[in-house]
């Protein structure tokens, strides 16, 4: 007799971990520049409120000096992509590109602006705008 395994249902994404040489040193980028709230802070682990999913910085000594373009990205959705981009630039954020169309249709476009955290982790801000010709 064959038994059937129960269905697997993942309920929600609760945590994303990024590795950092020194989580406390990287904390300023996330707390002070990006405005994230700290949930937990130790020398080895910093956990931030990501609005439904926590973002953690976990210490790791073997972070490669350069990152491959195929490495995972952490994307933060914002209500006003252009305004958020300008505000973060004014605070000293160093973006690799201005808000650029990455997806969309005839009604809306998704714009993304990208930057790196102090450990080289790839970060993006993303927002939707009405489509324009």
C-alpha atoms as a PDB file:
ATOM      1  CA  UNK A   1       0.000   0.000   0.000  1.00  0.00           C
ATOM      2  CA  UNK A   2       1.361   3.397  -1.007  1.00  0.00           C
ATOM      3  CA  UNK A   3       1.113   6.241   1.480  1.00  0.00           C
ATOM      4  CA  UNK A   4       0.758   9.831   0.412  1.00  0.00           C
ATOM      5  CA  UNK A   5       2.826  12.489   2.097  1.00  0.00           C
ATOM      6  CA  UNK A   6       0.834  15.367   3.535  1.00  0.00           C
ATOM      7  CA  UNK A   7       0.712  18.540   1.427  1.00  0.00           C
ATOM      8  CA  UNK A   8       3.358  21.111   2.226  1.00  0.00           C
ATOM      9  CA  UNK A   9       2.105  24.633   2.681  1.00  0.00           C
ATOM     10  CA  UNK A  10       4.512  27.392   3.534  1.00  0.00           C
ATOM     11  CA  UNK A  11       2.548  30.118   5.263  1.00  0.00           C
ATOM     12  CA  UNK A  12       4.842  33.138   4.861  1.00  0.00           C
ATOM     13  CA  UNK A  13       8.408  34.266   4.443  1.00  0.00           C
ATOM     14  CA  UNK A  14       9.545  35.349   7.885  1.00  0.00           C
ATOM     15  CA  UNK A  15      13.291  36.001   7.671  1.00  0.00           C
ATOM     16  CA  UNK A  16      16.004  36.822   5.146  1.00  0.00           C
ATOM     17  CA  UNK A  17      19.609  36.545   6.345  1.00  0.00           C
ATOM     18  CA  UNK A  18      22.419  38.583   4.837  1.00  0.00           C
ATOM     19  CA  UNK A  19      25.983  37.912   5.877  1.00  0.00           C
ATOM     20  CA  UNK A  20      28.146  40.738   7.179  1.00  0.00           C
ATOM     21  CA  UNK A  21      31.734  40.920   8.367  1.00  0.00           C
ATOM     22  CA  UNK A  22      30.557  43.028  11.308  1.00  0.00           C
ATOM     23  CA  UNK A  23      26.757  43.264  11.733  1.00  0.00           C
ATOM     24  CA  UNK A  24      27.007  46.204  14.139  1.00  0.00           C
ATOM     25  CA  UNK A  25      29.141  48.165  11.668  1.00  0.00           C
ATOM     26  CA  UNK A  26      26.635  47.467   8.878  1.00  0.00           C
ATOM     27  CA  UNK A  27      23.711  48.469  11.099  1.00  0.00           C
ATOM     28  CA  UNK A  28      24.089  52.191  10.286  1.00  0.00           C
ATOM     29  CA  UNK A  29      23.344  51.509   6.611  1.00  0.00           C
ATOM     30  CA  UNK A  30      20.041  49.788   7.384  1.00  0.00           C
ATOM     31  CA  UNK A  31      18.931  51.774  10.436  1.00  0.00           C
ATOM     32  CA  UNK A  32      20.228  55.273   9.720  1.00  0.00           C
ATOM     33  CA  UNK A  33      20.256  55.390   5.908  1.00  0.00           C
ATOM     34  CA  UNK A  34      17.306  53.131   5.016  1.00  0.00           C
ATOM     35  CA  UNK A  35      15.304  53.888   8.189  1.00  0.00           C
ATOM     36  CA  UNK A  36      14.680  50.295   9.301  1.00  0.00           C
ATOM     37  CA  UNK A  37      13.691  49.577  12.907  1.00  0.00           C
ATOM     38  CA  UNK A  38      15.950  47.318  14.965  1.00  0.00           C
ATOM     39  CA  UNK A  39      14.299  44.266  16.528  1.00  0.00           C
ATOM     40  CA  UNK A  40      17.431  42.664  17.993  1.00  0.00           C
ATOM     41  CA  UNK A  41      21.062  43.726  18.168  1.00  0.00           C
ATOM     42  CA  UNK A  42      24.107  41.678  19.221  1.00  0.00           C
ATOM     43  CA  UNK A  43      27.676  41.617  17.873  1.00  0.00           C
ATOM     44  CA  UNK A  44      26.865  38.483  15.826  1.00  0.00           C
ATOM     45  CA  UNK A  45      23.237  39.143  14.838  1.00  0.00           C
ATOM     46  CA  UNK A  46      21.189  42.214  13.976  1.00  0.00           C
ATOM     47  CA  UNK A  47      17.527  41.723  13.139  1.00  0.00           C
ATOM     48  CA  UNK A  48      15.525  44.479  11.467  1.00  0.00           C
ATOM     49  CA  UNK A  49      11.811  44.927  10.863  1.00  0.00           C
ATOM     50  CA  UNK A  50      11.191  44.529   7.140  1.00  0.00           C
ATOM     51  CA  UNK A  51       7.452  45.165   7.275  1.00  0.00           C
ATOM     52  CA  UNK A  52       6.228  41.568   7.503  1.00  0.00           C
ATOM     53  CA  UNK A  53       9.535  39.806   6.945  1.00  0.00           C
ATOM     54  CA  UNK A  54      12.577  40.369   9.125  1.00  0.00           C
ATOM     55  CA  UNK A  55      15.974  41.108   7.634  1.00  0.00           C
ATOM     56  CA  UNK A  56      18.899  39.802   9.653  1.00  0.00           C
ATOM     57  CA  UNK A  57      22.593  40.599   9.420  1.00  0.00           C
ATOM     58  CA  UNK A  58      24.612  37.609  10.593  1.00  0.00           C
ATOM     59  CA  UNK A  59      28.359  37.663  11.107  1.00  0.00           C
ATOM     60  CA  UNK A  60      30.506  35.695   8.701  1.00  0.00           C
ATOM     61  CA  UNK A  61      34.247  35.991   8.181  1.00  0.00           C
ATOM     62  CA  UNK A  62      34.453  34.450   4.694  1.00  0.00           C
ATOM     63  CA  UNK A  63      32.515  37.019   2.656  1.00  0.00           C
ATOM     64  CA  UNK A  64      33.990  37.185  -0.860  1.00  0.00           C
ATOM     65  CA  UNK A  65      35.614  40.480  -1.862  1.00  0.00           C
ATOM     66  CA  UNK A  66      33.475  40.696  -4.999  1.00  0.00           C
ATOM     67  CA  UNK A  67      29.924  39.528  -5.561  1.00  0.00           C
ATOM     68  CA  UNK A  68      28.577  37.777  -8.630  1.00  0.00           C
ATOM     69  CA  UNK A  69      25.670  39.460 -10.429  1.00  0.00           C
ATOM     70  CA  UNK A  70      23.620  36.295  -9.916  1.00  0.00           C
ATOM     71  CA  UNK A  71      23.749  36.624  -6.110  1.00  0.00           C
ATOM     72  CA  UNK A  72      20.375  37.190  -4.398  1.00  0.00           C
ATOM     73  CA  UNK A  73      19.020  40.725  -4.143  1.00  0.00           C
ATOM     74  CA  UNK A  74      16.983  42.201  -1.308  1.00  0.00           C
ATOM     75  CA  UNK A  75      14.266  44.409  -2.797  1.00  0.00           C
ATOM     76  CA  UNK A  76      12.380  46.991  -0.751  1.00  0.00           C
ATOM     77  CA  UNK A  77       9.085  48.210  -2.199  1.00  0.00           C
ATOM     78  CA  UNK A  78       8.466  51.932  -1.747  1.00  0.00           C
ATOM     79  CA  UNK A  79       5.409  54.083  -2.427  1.00  0.00           C
ATOM     80  CA  UNK A  80       7.327  56.848  -4.219  1.00  0.00           C
ATOM     81  CA  UNK A  81      10.325  55.390  -6.058  1.00  0.00           C
ATOM     82  CA  UNK A  82      11.624  58.693  -7.422  1.00  0.00           C
ATOM     83  CA  UNK A  83      11.156  60.575  -4.155  1.00  0.00           C
ATOM     84  CA  UNK A  84      12.740  57.779  -2.096  1.00  0.00           C
ATOM     85  CA  UNK A  85      15.675  57.608  -4.510  1.00  0.00           C
ATOM     86  CA  UNK A  86      16.286  61.372  -4.226  1.00  0.00           C
ATOM     87  CA  UNK A  87      15.894  61.332  -0.414  1.00  0.00           C
ATOM     88  CA  UNK A  88      18.363  58.447  -0.035  1.00  0.00           C
ATOM     89  CA  UNK A  89      20.851  60.121  -2.395  1.00  0.00           C
ATOM     90  CA  UNK A  90      20.603  63.289  -0.282  1.00  0.00           C
ATOM     91  CA  UNK A  91      21.454  61.172   2.797  1.00  0.00           C
ATOM     92  CA  UNK A  92      24.571  59.822   1.062  1.00  0.00           C
ATOM     93  CA  UNK A  93      23.351  56.595  -0.573  1.00  0.00           C
ATOM     94  CA  UNK A  94      25.511  55.588  -3.540  1.00  0.00           C
ATOM     95  CA  UNK A  95      23.265  54.049  -6.206  1.00  0.00           C
ATOM     96  CA  UNK A  96      24.599  52.169  -9.216  1.00  0.00           C
ATOM     97  CA  UNK A  97      21.636  53.402 -11.280  1.00  0.00           C
ATOM     98  CA  UNK A  98      18.750  55.857 -11.139  1.00  0.00           C
ATOM     99  CA  UNK A  99      15.208  54.438 -11.115  1.00  0.00           C
ATOM    100  CA  UNK A 100      15.025  52.312 -14.272  1.00  0.00           C
ATOM    101  CA  UNK A 101      12.113  50.417 -15.819  1.00  0.00           C
ATOM    102  CA  UNK A 102      12.442  46.703 -14.995  1.00  0.00           C
ATOM    103  CA  UNK A 103       8.900  45.455 -15.647  1.00  0.00           C
ATOM    104  CA  UNK A 104       5.392  46.588 -16.442  1.00  0.00           C
ATOM    105  CA  UNK A 105       2.640  46.743 -19.008  1.00  0.00           C
ATOM    106  CA  UNK A 106       0.430  49.358 -20.683  1.00  0.00           C
ATOM    107  CA  UNK A 107      -0.939  50.588 -17.334  1.00  0.00           C
ATOM    108  CA  UNK A 108       2.084  50.654 -15.011  1.00  0.00           C
ATOM    109  CA  UNK A 109       5.859  50.311 -14.945  1.00  0.00           C
ATOM    110  CA  UNK A 110       8.035  48.924 -12.192  1.00  0.00           C
ATOM    111  CA  UNK A 111      11.101  51.085 -11.562  1.00  0.00           C
ATOM    112  CA  UNK A 112      14.157  49.923  -9.651  1.00  0.00           C
ATOM    113  CA  UNK A 113      17.245  51.706  -8.300  1.00  0.00           C
ATOM    114  CA  UNK A 114      20.121  49.586  -7.001  1.00  0.00           C
ATOM    115  CA  UNK A 115      22.865  49.941  -4.414  1.00  0.00           C
ATOM    116  CA  UNK A 116      25.082  47.768  -2.216  1.00  0.00           C
ATOM    117  CA  UNK A 117      25.330  47.566   1.547  1.00  0.00           C
ATOM    118  CA  UNK A 118      28.761  47.893   3.230  1.00  0.00           C
ATOM    119  CA  UNK A 119      29.365  44.137   2.769  1.00  0.00           C
ATOM    120  CA  UNK A 120      28.526  44.119  -0.941  1.00  0.00           C
ATOM    121  CA  UNK A 121      25.028  42.660  -0.555  1.00  0.00           C
ATOM    122  CA  UNK A 122      22.824  43.813  -3.433  1.00  0.00           C
ATOM    123  CA  UNK A 123      19.906  46.021  -2.391  1.00  0.00           C
ATOM    124  CA  UNK A 124      17.200  47.542  -4.567  1.00  0.00           C
ATOM    125  CA  UNK A 125      14.330  49.931  -4.040  1.00  0.00           C
ATOM    126  CA  UNK A 126      11.327  49.256  -6.271  1.00  0.00           C
ATOM    127  CA  UNK A 127       8.123  51.125  -6.967  1.00  0.00           C
ATOM    128  CA  UNK A 128       5.302  51.198  -9.482  1.00  0.00           C
ATOM    129  CA  UNK A 129       4.421  54.267 -11.529  1.00  0.00           C
ATOM    130  CA  UNK A 130       1.804  54.927 -14.209  1.00  0.00           C
ATOM    131  CA  UNK A 131       3.080  53.905 -17.659  1.00  0.00           C
ATOM    132  CA  UNK A 132       4.245  56.786 -19.817  1.00  0.00           C
ATOM    133  CA  UNK A 133       5.047  56.705 -23.507  1.00  0.00           C
END
